[in-house]
Full PDB file with SEQRES, HELIX, SHEET, SSBOND, CRYST1, ORIGX, SCALE, CONECT and MASTER records, all heavy atoms in Angstrom:
SEQRES   1 A   38  LEU PRO ARG ALA VAL ARG PRO PHE ALA ALA GLN TRP VAL          
SEQRES   2 A   38  ILE ASP GLU THR THR ALA VAL ALA LEU ALA GLN PRO THR          
SEQRES   3 A   38  ARG ARG GLY VAL ARG ILE GLY PHE THR VAL THR GLY              
HELIX    1 AA1 ARG A    6  ALA A    9  1                                   4    
HELIX    2 AA2 ALA A   10  TRP A   12  5                                   3    
HELIX    3 AA3 ASP A   15  LEU A   22  1                                   8    
HELIX    4 AA4 ARG A   27  THR A   37  1                                  11    
CRYST1    1.000    1.000    1.000  90.00  90.00  90.00 P 1           1          
ORIGX1      1.000000  0.000000  0.000000        0.00000                         
ORIGX2      0.000000  1.000000  0.000000        0.00000                         
ORIGX3      0.000000  0.000000  1.000000        0.00000                         
SCALE1      1.000000  0.000000  0.000000        0.00000                         
SCALE2      0.000000  1.000000  0.000000        0.00000                         
SCALE3      0.000000  0.000000  1.000000        0.00000                         
ATOM      1  N   LEU A   1      -7.863 -18.926 -16.757  1.00  0.00           N  
ATOM      2  CA  LEU A   1      -7.390 -19.481 -18.013  1.00  0.00           C  
ATOM      3  C   LEU A   1      -7.026 -18.384 -19.045  1.00  0.00           C  
ATOM      4  O   LEU A   1      -7.579 -17.280 -18.936  1.00  0.00           O  
ATOM      5  CB  LEU A   1      -8.517 -20.390 -18.582  1.00  0.00           C  
ATOM      6  CG  LEU A   1      -8.893 -21.625 -17.762  1.00  0.00           C  
ATOM      7  CD1 LEU A   1     -10.091 -22.294 -18.381  1.00  0.00           C  
ATOM      8  CD2 LEU A   1      -7.704 -22.583 -17.580  1.00  0.00           C  
ATOM      9  N   PRO A   2      -6.192 -18.636 -19.999  1.00  0.00           N  
ATOM     10  CA  PRO A   2      -5.954 -17.714 -21.034  1.00  0.00           C  
ATOM     11  C   PRO A   2      -7.234 -17.389 -21.855  1.00  0.00           C  
ATOM     12  O   PRO A   2      -8.121 -18.201 -21.958  1.00  0.00           O  
ATOM     13  CB  PRO A   2      -4.898 -18.431 -21.933  1.00  0.00           C  
ATOM     14  CG  PRO A   2      -4.303 -19.443 -21.042  1.00  0.00           C  
ATOM     15  CD  PRO A   2      -5.368 -19.850 -20.096  1.00  0.00           C  
ATOM     16  N   ARG A   3      -7.307 -16.208 -22.395  1.00  0.00           N  
ATOM     17  CA  ARG A   3      -8.486 -15.732 -23.150  1.00  0.00           C  
ATOM     18  C   ARG A   3      -8.843 -16.737 -24.273  1.00  0.00           C  
ATOM     19  O   ARG A   3      -9.985 -16.942 -24.578  1.00  0.00           O  
ATOM     20  CB  ARG A   3      -8.290 -14.378 -23.639  1.00  0.00           C  
ATOM     21  CG  ARG A   3      -8.215 -13.290 -22.582  1.00  0.00           C  
ATOM     22  CD  ARG A   3      -8.096 -11.878 -23.197  1.00  0.00           C  
ATOM     23  NE  ARG A   3      -8.121 -10.844 -22.133  1.00  0.00           N  
ATOM     24  CZ  ARG A   3      -9.163 -10.295 -21.634  1.00  0.00           C  
ATOM     25  NH1 ARG A   3     -10.387 -10.622 -22.077  1.00  0.00           N  
ATOM     26  NH2 ARG A   3      -9.085  -9.389 -20.706  1.00  0.00           N  
ATOM     27  N   ALA A   4      -7.808 -17.254 -24.946  1.00  0.00           N  
ATOM     28  CA  ALA A   4      -8.079 -18.128 -26.093  1.00  0.00           C  
ATOM     29  C   ALA A   4      -8.747 -19.428 -25.681  1.00  0.00           C  
ATOM     30  O   ALA A   4      -9.433 -20.053 -26.447  1.00  0.00           O  
ATOM     31  CB  ALA A   4      -6.829 -18.407 -26.827  1.00  0.00           C  
ATOM     32  N   VAL A   5      -8.566 -19.851 -24.473  1.00  0.00           N  
ATOM     33  CA  VAL A   5      -9.139 -21.130 -23.975  1.00  0.00           C  
ATOM     34  C   VAL A   5     -10.456 -21.017 -23.362  1.00  0.00           C  
ATOM     35  O   VAL A   5     -11.257 -21.934 -23.300  1.00  0.00           O  
ATOM     36  CB  VAL A   5      -8.112 -21.728 -22.937  1.00  0.00           C  
ATOM     37  CG1 VAL A   5      -8.636 -23.116 -22.450  1.00  0.00           C  
ATOM     38  CG2 VAL A   5      -6.720 -21.910 -23.564  1.00  0.00           C  
ATOM     39  N   ARG A   6     -10.826 -19.777 -22.886  1.00  0.00           N  
ATOM     40  CA  ARG A   6     -12.073 -19.649 -22.184  1.00  0.00           C  
ATOM     41  C   ARG A   6     -13.298 -19.990 -22.896  1.00  0.00           C  
ATOM     42  O   ARG A   6     -14.196 -20.622 -22.329  1.00  0.00           O  
ATOM     43  CB  ARG A   6     -12.186 -18.182 -21.721  1.00  0.00           C  
ATOM     44  CG  ARG A   6     -11.140 -17.760 -20.630  1.00  0.00           C  
ATOM     45  CD  ARG A   6     -11.245 -16.307 -20.271  1.00  0.00           C  
ATOM     46  NE  ARG A   6     -10.178 -15.877 -19.393  1.00  0.00           N  
ATOM     47  CZ  ARG A   6     -10.019 -14.658 -18.976  1.00  0.00           C  
ATOM     48  NH1 ARG A   6     -10.822 -13.677 -19.353  1.00  0.00           N  
ATOM     49  NH2 ARG A   6      -8.977 -14.408 -18.161  1.00  0.00           N  
ATOM     50  N   PRO A   7     -13.491 -19.658 -24.230  1.00  0.00           N  
ATOM     51  CA  PRO A   7     -14.722 -20.128 -24.926  1.00  0.00           C  
ATOM     52  C   PRO A   7     -14.871 -21.631 -24.952  1.00  0.00           C  
ATOM     53  O   PRO A   7     -16.013 -22.107 -24.887  1.00  0.00           O  
ATOM     54  CB  PRO A   7     -14.478 -19.539 -26.342  1.00  0.00           C  
ATOM     55  CG  PRO A   7     -13.568 -18.366 -26.129  1.00  0.00           C  
ATOM     56  CD  PRO A   7     -12.640 -18.793 -25.063  1.00  0.00           C  
ATOM     57  N   PHE A   8     -13.803 -22.340 -25.034  1.00  0.00           N  
ATOM     58  CA  PHE A   8     -13.874 -23.833 -25.053  1.00  0.00           C  
ATOM     59  C   PHE A   8     -14.177 -24.357 -23.640  1.00  0.00           C  
ATOM     60  O   PHE A   8     -14.935 -25.309 -23.495  1.00  0.00           O  
ATOM     61  CB  PHE A   8     -12.613 -24.456 -25.610  1.00  0.00           C  
ATOM     62  CG  PHE A   8     -12.278 -23.952 -26.997  1.00  0.00           C  
ATOM     63  CD1 PHE A   8     -11.363 -22.940 -27.200  1.00  0.00           C  
ATOM     64  CD2 PHE A   8     -12.845 -24.532 -28.097  1.00  0.00           C  
ATOM     65  CE1 PHE A   8     -10.998 -22.466 -28.458  1.00  0.00           C  
ATOM     66  CE2 PHE A   8     -12.546 -24.113 -29.350  1.00  0.00           C  
ATOM     67  CZ  PHE A   8     -11.626 -23.063 -29.547  1.00  0.00           C  
ATOM     68  N   ALA A   9     -13.621 -23.801 -22.623  1.00  0.00           N  
ATOM     69  CA  ALA A   9     -13.849 -24.216 -21.267  1.00  0.00           C  
ATOM     70  C   ALA A   9     -15.289 -23.847 -20.859  1.00  0.00           C  
ATOM     71  O   ALA A   9     -15.819 -24.622 -19.991  1.00  0.00           O  
ATOM     72  CB  ALA A   9     -12.874 -23.487 -20.318  1.00  0.00           C  
ATOM     73  N   ALA A  10     -15.854 -22.856 -21.430  1.00  0.00           N  
ATOM     74  CA  ALA A  10     -17.216 -22.465 -21.053  1.00  0.00           C  
ATOM     75  C   ALA A  10     -18.243 -23.586 -21.397  1.00  0.00           C  
ATOM     76  O   ALA A  10     -19.227 -23.752 -20.747  1.00  0.00           O  
ATOM     77  CB  ALA A  10     -17.636 -21.179 -21.776  1.00  0.00           C  
ATOM     78  N   GLN A  11     -17.905 -24.450 -22.347  1.00  0.00           N  
ATOM     79  CA  GLN A  11     -18.788 -25.526 -22.720  1.00  0.00           C  
ATOM     80  C   GLN A  11     -18.924 -26.543 -21.621  1.00  0.00           C  
ATOM     81  O   GLN A  11     -19.849 -27.282 -21.513  1.00  0.00           O  
ATOM     82  CB  GLN A  11     -18.238 -26.165 -24.013  1.00  0.00           C  
ATOM     83  CG  GLN A  11     -19.053 -27.410 -24.506  1.00  0.00           C  
ATOM     84  CD  GLN A  11     -20.424 -26.958 -25.054  1.00  0.00           C  
ATOM     85  OE1 GLN A  11     -20.758 -25.851 -25.085  1.00  0.00           O  
ATOM     86  NE2 GLN A  11     -21.224 -28.036 -25.447  1.00  0.00           N  
ATOM     87  N   TRP A  12     -17.903 -26.634 -20.738  1.00  0.00           N  
ATOM     88  CA  TRP A  12     -17.807 -27.591 -19.666  1.00  0.00           C  
ATOM     89  C   TRP A  12     -18.305 -27.002 -18.370  1.00  0.00           C  
ATOM     90  O   TRP A  12     -18.170 -27.698 -17.329  1.00  0.00           O  
ATOM     91  CB  TRP A  12     -16.431 -28.192 -19.505  1.00  0.00           C  
ATOM     92  CG  TRP A  12     -16.048 -29.052 -20.671  1.00  0.00           C  
ATOM     93  CD1 TRP A  12     -16.821 -29.476 -21.683  1.00  0.00           C  
ATOM     94  CD2 TRP A  12     -14.752 -29.635 -20.915  1.00  0.00           C  
ATOM     95  NE1 TRP A  12     -16.142 -30.312 -22.592  1.00  0.00           N  
ATOM     96  CE2 TRP A  12     -14.849 -30.381 -22.110  1.00  0.00           C  
ATOM     97  CE3 TRP A  12     -13.570 -29.590 -20.254  1.00  0.00           C  
ATOM     98  CZ2 TRP A  12     -13.800 -31.101 -22.671  1.00  0.00           C  
ATOM     99  CZ3 TRP A  12     -12.498 -30.281 -20.754  1.00  0.00           C  
ATOM    100  CH2 TRP A  12     -12.575 -31.022 -21.937  1.00  0.00           C  
ATOM    101  N   VAL A  13     -18.724 -25.778 -18.305  1.00  0.00           N  
ATOM    102  CA  VAL A  13     -19.176 -25.165 -17.029  1.00  0.00           C  
ATOM    103  C   VAL A  13     -20.593 -25.702 -16.746  1.00  0.00           C  
ATOM    104  O   VAL A  13     -21.601 -25.175 -17.223  1.00  0.00           O  
ATOM    105  CB  VAL A  13     -19.192 -23.643 -17.113  1.00  0.00           C  
ATOM    106  CG1 VAL A  13     -19.718 -23.047 -15.819  1.00  0.00           C  
ATOM    107  CG2 VAL A  13     -17.778 -23.171 -17.375  1.00  0.00           C  
ATOM    108  N   ILE A  14     -20.708 -26.729 -15.884  1.00  0.00           N  
ATOM    109  CA  ILE A  14     -21.922 -27.342 -15.528  1.00  0.00           C  
ATOM    110  C   ILE A  14     -21.895 -27.564 -13.963  1.00  0.00           C  
ATOM    111  O   ILE A  14     -20.929 -27.286 -13.365  1.00  0.00           O  
ATOM    112  CB  ILE A  14     -22.275 -28.624 -16.286  1.00  0.00           C  
ATOM    113  CG1 ILE A  14     -21.111 -29.569 -16.136  1.00  0.00           C  
ATOM    114  CG2 ILE A  14     -22.544 -28.283 -17.729  1.00  0.00           C  
ATOM    115  CD1 ILE A  14     -21.298 -30.898 -16.793  1.00  0.00           C  
ATOM    116  N   ASP A  15     -22.953 -28.163 -13.450  1.00  0.00           N  
ATOM    117  CA  ASP A  15     -23.062 -28.458 -12.025  1.00  0.00           C  
ATOM    118  C   ASP A  15     -21.853 -29.310 -11.508  1.00  0.00           C  
ATOM    119  O   ASP A  15     -21.230 -28.979 -10.516  1.00  0.00           O  
ATOM    120  CB  ASP A  15     -24.354 -29.176 -11.679  1.00  0.00           C  
ATOM    121  CG  ASP A  15     -25.561 -28.328 -12.051  1.00  0.00           C  
ATOM    122  OD1 ASP A  15     -25.474 -27.110 -11.969  1.00  0.00           O  
ATOM    123  OD2 ASP A  15     -26.637 -28.925 -12.354  1.00  0.00           O  
ATOM    124  N   GLU A  16     -21.590 -30.412 -12.257  1.00  0.00           N  
ATOM    125  CA  GLU A  16     -20.610 -31.380 -11.729  1.00  0.00           C  
ATOM    126  C   GLU A  16     -19.221 -30.834 -11.808  1.00  0.00           C  
ATOM    127  O   GLU A  16     -18.427 -30.969 -10.850  1.00  0.00           O  
ATOM    128  CB  GLU A  16     -20.673 -32.683 -12.571  1.00  0.00           C  
ATOM    129  CG  GLU A  16     -21.988 -33.421 -12.370  1.00  0.00           C  
ATOM    130  CD  GLU A  16     -23.172 -32.859 -13.100  1.00  0.00           C  
ATOM    131  OE1 GLU A  16     -22.945 -31.999 -14.015  1.00  0.00           O  
ATOM    132  OE2 GLU A  16     -24.312 -33.207 -12.792  1.00  0.00           O  
ATOM    133  N   THR A  17     -18.789 -30.179 -12.859  1.00  0.00           N  
ATOM    134  CA  THR A  17     -17.451 -29.597 -12.992  1.00  0.00           C  
ATOM    135  C   THR A  17     -17.256 -28.478 -11.982  1.00  0.00           C  
ATOM    136  O   THR A  17     -16.150 -28.361 -11.409  1.00  0.00           O  
ATOM    137  CB  THR A  17     -17.191 -29.054 -14.400  1.00  0.00           C  
ATOM    138  OG1 THR A  17     -18.182 -28.132 -14.747  1.00  0.00           O  
ATOM    139  CG2 THR A  17     -17.195 -30.219 -15.402  1.00  0.00           C  
ATOM    140  N   THR A  18     -18.324 -27.714 -11.746  1.00  0.00           N  
ATOM    141  CA  THR A  18     -18.210 -26.663 -10.762  1.00  0.00           C  
ATOM    142  C   THR A  18     -18.041 -27.160  -9.325  1.00  0.00           C  
ATOM    143  O   THR A  18     -17.241 -26.701  -8.559  1.00  0.00           O  
ATOM    144  CB  THR A  18     -19.461 -25.808 -10.785  1.00  0.00           C  
ATOM    145  OG1 THR A  18     -19.640 -25.196 -12.112  1.00  0.00           O  
ATOM    146  CG2 THR A  18     -19.357 -24.607  -9.807  1.00  0.00           C  
ATOM    147  N   ALA A  19     -18.800 -28.268  -9.010  1.00  0.00           N  
ATOM    148  CA  ALA A  19     -18.754 -28.862  -7.675  1.00  0.00           C  
ATOM    149  C   ALA A  19     -17.327 -29.406  -7.408  1.00  0.00           C  
ATOM    150  O   ALA A  19     -16.752 -29.225  -6.313  1.00  0.00           O  
ATOM    151  CB  ALA A  19     -19.772 -29.908  -7.503  1.00  0.00           C  
ATOM    152  N   VAL A  20     -16.780 -30.120  -8.365  1.00  0.00           N  
ATOM    153  CA  VAL A  20     -15.449 -30.688  -8.197  1.00  0.00           C  
ATOM    154  C   VAL A  20     -14.374 -29.634  -8.134  1.00  0.00           C  
ATOM    155  O   VAL A  20     -13.437 -29.700  -7.296  1.00  0.00           O  
ATOM    156  CB  VAL A  20     -15.147 -31.720  -9.351  1.00  0.00           C  
ATOM    157  CG1 VAL A  20     -13.692 -32.192  -9.289  1.00  0.00           C  
ATOM    158  CG2 VAL A  20     -16.126 -32.889  -9.335  1.00  0.00           C  
ATOM    159  N   ALA A  21     -14.488 -28.576  -8.977  1.00  0.00           N  
ATOM    160  CA  ALA A  21     -13.473 -27.561  -8.991  1.00  0.00           C  
ATOM    161  C   ALA A  21     -13.467 -26.757  -7.703  1.00  0.00           C  
ATOM    162  O   ALA A  21     -12.412 -26.447  -7.095  1.00  0.00           O  
ATOM    163  CB  ALA A  21     -13.728 -26.624 -10.176  1.00  0.00           C  
ATOM    164  N   LEU A  22     -14.617 -26.466  -7.180  1.00  0.00           N  
ATOM    165  CA  LEU A  22     -14.714 -25.620  -5.914  1.00  0.00           C  
ATOM    166  C   LEU A  22     -14.265 -26.383  -4.703  1.00  0.00           C  
ATOM    167  O   LEU A  22     -13.927 -25.829  -3.707  1.00  0.00           O  
ATOM    168  CB  LEU A  22     -16.140 -25.178  -5.709  1.00  0.00           C  
ATOM    169  CG  LEU A  22     -16.697 -24.155  -6.698  1.00  0.00           C  
ATOM    170  CD1 LEU A  22     -18.142 -23.830  -6.386  1.00  0.00           C  
ATOM    171  CD2 LEU A  22     -15.844 -22.892  -6.769  1.00  0.00           C  
ATOM    172  N   ALA A  23     -14.205 -27.729  -4.826  1.00  0.00           N  
ATOM    173  CA  ALA A  23     -13.732 -28.525  -3.660  1.00  0.00           C  
ATOM    174  C   ALA A  23     -12.222 -28.670  -3.566  1.00  0.00           C  
ATOM    175  O   ALA A  23     -11.695 -29.188  -2.588  1.00  0.00           O  
ATOM    176  CB  ALA A  23     -14.353 -29.927  -3.758  1.00  0.00           C  
ATOM    177  N   GLN A  24     -11.497 -28.077  -4.525  1.00  0.00           N  
ATOM    178  CA  GLN A  24     -10.044 -28.200  -4.572  1.00  0.00           C  
ATOM    179  C   GLN A  24      -9.415 -27.078  -3.839  1.00  0.00           C  
ATOM    180  O   GLN A  24      -9.843 -25.944  -3.933  1.00  0.00           O  
ATOM    181  CB  GLN A  24      -9.548 -28.306  -6.033  1.00  0.00           C  
ATOM    182  CG  GLN A  24     -10.213 -29.313  -6.893  1.00  0.00           C  
ATOM    183  CD  GLN A  24     -10.284 -30.673  -6.248  1.00  0.00           C  
ATOM    184  OE1 GLN A  24      -9.233 -31.163  -5.786  1.00  0.00           O  
ATOM    185  NE2 GLN A  24     -11.416 -31.350  -6.290  1.00  0.00           N  
ATOM    186  N   PRO A  25      -8.331 -27.353  -3.079  1.00  0.00           N  
ATOM    187  CA  PRO A  25      -7.711 -26.284  -2.292  1.00  0.00           C  
ATOM    188  C   PRO A  25      -6.705 -25.390  -3.017  1.00  0.00           C  
ATOM    189  O   PRO A  25      -6.429 -24.265  -2.567  1.00  0.00           O  
ATOM    190  CB  PRO A  25      -6.909 -27.052  -1.202  1.00  0.00           C  
ATOM    191  CG  PRO A  25      -6.600 -28.397  -1.901  1.00  0.00           C  
ATOM    192  CD  PRO A  25      -7.729 -28.654  -2.802  1.00  0.00           C  
ATOM    193  N   THR A  26      -6.176 -25.866  -4.190  1.00  0.00           N  
ATOM    194  CA  THR A  26      -5.231 -25.025  -4.932  1.00  0.00           C  
ATOM    195  C   THR A  26      -5.695 -24.768  -6.363  1.00  0.00           C  
ATOM    196  O   THR A  26      -6.570 -25.461  -6.829  1.00  0.00           O  
ATOM    197  CB  THR A  26      -3.846 -25.782  -4.964  1.00  0.00           C  
ATOM    198  OG1 THR A  26      -4.050 -26.999  -5.681  1.00  0.00           O  
ATOM    199  CG2 THR A  26      -3.344 -26.090  -3.562  1.00  0.00           C  
ATOM    200  N   ARG A  27      -5.083 -23.754  -6.984  1.00  0.00           N  
ATOM    201  CA  ARG A  27      -5.472 -23.468  -8.385  1.00  0.00           C  
ATOM    202  C   ARG A  27      -5.108 -24.601  -9.302  1.00  0.00           C  
ATOM    203  O   ARG A  27      -5.934 -24.873 -10.172  1.00  0.00           O  
ATOM    204  CB  ARG A  27      -4.768 -22.175  -8.827  1.00  0.00           C  
ATOM    205  CG  ARG A  27      -4.983 -21.856 -10.307  1.00  0.00           C  
ATOM    206  CD  ARG A  27      -4.616 -20.439 -10.612  1.00  0.00           C  
ATOM    207  NE  ARG A  27      -5.545 -19.526  -9.955  1.00  0.00           N  
ATOM    208  CZ  ARG A  27      -5.426 -18.172  -9.924  1.00  0.00           C  
ATOM    209  NH1 ARG A  27      -4.423 -17.620 -10.539  1.00  0.00           N  
ATOM    210  NH2 ARG A  27      -6.309 -17.406  -9.302  1.00  0.00           N  
ATOM    211  N   ARG A  28      -4.001 -25.258  -9.011  1.00  0.00           N  
ATOM    212  CA  ARG A  28      -3.691 -26.399  -9.845  1.00  0.00           C  
ATOM    213  C   ARG A  28      -4.717 -27.523  -9.710  1.00  0.00           C  
ATOM    214  O   ARG A  28      -5.117 -28.159 -10.680  1.00  0.00           O  
ATOM    215  CB  ARG A  28      -2.280 -26.913  -9.489  1.00  0.00           C  
ATOM    216  CG  ARG A  28      -1.797 -28.087 -10.316  1.00  0.00           C  
ATOM    217  CD  ARG A  28      -0.344 -28.466  -9.955  1.00  0.00           C  
ATOM    218  NE  ARG A  28       0.063 -29.590 -10.737  1.00  0.00           N  
ATOM    219  CZ  ARG A  28      -0.062 -30.875 -10.411  1.00  0.00           C  
ATOM    220  NH1 ARG A  28      -0.715 -31.158  -9.248  1.00  0.00           N  
ATOM    221  NH2 ARG A  28       0.377 -31.850 -11.190  1.00  0.00           N  
ATOM    222  N   GLY A  29      -5.146 -27.701  -8.458  1.00  0.00           N  
ATOM    223  CA  GLY A  29      -6.171 -28.731  -8.242  1.00  0.00           C  
ATOM    224  C   GLY A  29      -7.531 -28.368  -8.872  1.00  0.00           C  
ATOM    225  O   GLY A  29      -8.241 -29.248  -9.384  1.00  0.00           O  
ATOM    226  N   VAL A  30      -7.807 -27.064  -8.859  1.00  0.00           N  
ATOM    227  CA  VAL A  30      -9.075 -26.593  -9.493  1.00  0.00           C  
ATOM    228  C   VAL A  30      -9.024 -26.879 -10.958  1.00  0.00           C  
ATOM    229  O   VAL A  30      -9.993 -27.373 -11.535  1.00  0.00           O  
ATOM    230  CB  VAL A  30      -9.271 -25.095  -9.215  1.00  0.00           C  
ATOM    231  CG1 VAL A  30     -10.405 -24.561 -10.109  1.00  0.00           C  
ATOM    232  CG2 VAL A  30      -9.539 -24.869  -7.764  1.00  0.00           C  
ATOM    233  N   ARG A  31      -7.914 -26.593 -11.620  1.00  0.00           N  
ATOM    234  CA  ARG A  31      -7.798 -26.830 -13.050  1.00  0.00           C  
ATOM    235  C   ARG A  31      -7.833 -28.310 -13.398  1.00  0.00           C  
ATOM    236  O   ARG A  31      -8.501 -28.671 -14.394  1.00  0.00           O  
ATOM    237  CB  ARG A  31      -6.486 -26.221 -13.569  1.00  0.00           C  
ATOM    238  CG  ARG A  31      -6.465 -24.646 -13.569  1.00  0.00           C  
ATOM    239  CD  ARG A  31      -5.162 -24.151 -14.052  1.00  0.00           C  
ATOM    240  NE  ARG A  31      -5.180 -22.694 -14.226  1.00  0.00           N  
ATOM    241  CZ  ARG A  31      -4.150 -21.953 -14.605  1.00  0.00           C  
ATOM    242  NH1 ARG A  31      -3.002 -22.559 -14.886  1.00  0.00           N  
ATOM    243  NH2 ARG A  31      -4.299 -20.644 -14.750  1.00  0.00           N  
ATOM    244  N   ILE A  32      -7.155 -29.121 -12.634  1.00  0.00           N  
ATOM    245  CA  ILE A  32      -7.173 -30.560 -12.914  1.00  0.00           C  
ATOM    246  C   ILE A  32      -8.579 -31.130 -12.661  1.00  0.00           C  
ATOM    247  O   ILE A  32      -9.080 -31.917 -13.510  1.00  0.00           O  
ATOM    248  CB  ILE A  32      -6.167 -31.286 -11.958  1.00  0.00           C  
ATOM    249  CG1 ILE A  32      -4.747 -30.890 -12.362  1.00  0.00           C  
ATOM    250  CG2 ILE A  32      -6.356 -32.839 -12.077  1.00  0.00           C  
ATOM    251  CD1 ILE A  32      -3.661 -31.468 -11.489  1.00  0.00           C  
ATOM    252  N   GLY A  33      -9.210 -30.779 -11.576  1.00  0.00           N  
ATOM    253  CA  GLY A  33     -10.551 -31.265 -11.317  1.00  0.00           C  
ATOM    254  C   GLY A  33     -11.552 -30.819 -12.340  1.00  0.00           C  
ATOM    255  O   GLY A  33     -12.364 -31.643 -12.828  1.00  0.00           O  
ATOM    256  N   PHE A  34     -11.457 -29.601 -12.770  1.00  0.00           N  
ATOM    257  CA  PHE A  34     -12.406 -29.107 -13.827  1.00  0.00           C  
ATOM    258  C   PHE A  34     -12.166 -29.804 -15.142  1.00  0.00           C  
ATOM    259  O   PHE A  34     -13.128 -30.248 -15.779  1.00  0.00           O  
ATOM    260  CB  PHE A  34     -12.213 -27.608 -13.939  1.00  0.00           C  
ATOM    261  CG  PHE A  34     -13.026 -26.992 -15.066  1.00  0.00           C  
ATOM    262  CD1 PHE A  34     -14.350 -26.611 -14.866  1.00  0.00           C  
ATOM    263  CD2 PHE A  34     -12.538 -26.791 -16.326  1.00  0.00           C  
ATOM    264  CE1 PHE A  34     -15.110 -26.116 -15.821  1.00  0.00           C  
ATOM    265  CE2 PHE A  34     -13.266 -26.234 -17.400  1.00  0.00           C  
ATOM    266  CZ  PHE A  34     -14.599 -25.895 -17.106  1.00  0.00           C  
ATOM    267  N   THR A  35     -10.896 -29.954 -15.510  1.00  0.00           N  
ATOM    268  CA  THR A  35     -10.576 -30.564 -16.801  1.00  0.00           C  
ATOM    269  C   THR A  35     -10.929 -32.030 -16.889  1.00  0.00           C  
ATOM    270  O   THR A  35     -11.533 -32.480 -17.823  1.00  0.00           O  
ATOM    271  CB  THR A  35      -9.083 -30.355 -17.136  1.00  0.00           C  
ATOM    272  OG1 THR A  35      -8.754 -28.913 -17.112  1.00  0.00           O  
ATOM    273  CG2 THR A  35      -8.756 -30.868 -18.480  1.00  0.00           C  
ATOM    274  N   VAL A  36     -10.530 -32.724 -15.855  1.00  0.00           N  
ATOM    275  CA  VAL A  36     -10.779 -34.188 -15.853  1.00  0.00           C  
ATOM    276  C   VAL A  36     -12.258 -34.499 -15.811  1.00  0.00           C  
ATOM    277  O   VAL A  36     -12.797 -35.376 -16.514  1.00  0.00           O  
ATOM    278  CB  VAL A  36     -10.042 -34.864 -14.661  1.00  0.00           C  
ATOM    279  CG1 VAL A  36     -10.420 -36.324 -14.562  1.00  0.00           C  
ATOM    280  CG2 VAL A  36      -8.551 -34.767 -14.852  1.00  0.00           C  
ATOM    281  N   THR A  37     -12.989 -33.792 -14.950  1.00  0.00           N  
ATOM    282  CA  THR A  37     -14.428 -34.000 -14.822  1.00  0.00           C  
ATOM    283  C   THR A  37     -15.129 -33.644 -16.119  1.00  0.00           C  
ATOM    284  O   THR A  37     -15.930 -34.354 -16.606  1.00  0.00           O  
ATOM    285  CB  THR A  37     -15.005 -33.157 -13.670  1.00  0.00           C  
ATOM    286  OG1 THR A  37     -14.348 -33.459 -12.466  1.00  0.00           O  
ATOM    287  CG2 THR A  37     -16.517 -33.463 -13.470  1.00  0.00           C  
ATOM    288  N   GLY A  38     -14.770 -32.456 -16.712  1.00  0.00           N  
ATOM    289  CA  GLY A  38     -15.423 -32.056 -17.927  1.00  0.00           C  
ATOM    290  C   GLY A  38     -15.142 -32.937 -19.089  1.00  0.00           C  
ATOM    291  O   GLY A  38     -16.047 -33.326 -19.860  1.00  0.00           O  
TER     292      GLY A  38                                                      
MASTER        0    0    0    4    0    0    0    6  291    1    0    3          
END                                                                             
């Protein structure tokens, strides 16, 4: 993610968002999974 977005994204770094993001095969899928779950 861009540097300006990282502090806000850090608030959503938890077990569930990590599990969904790591299960995605592409970077686009990782971003969608992380954002929607968070």
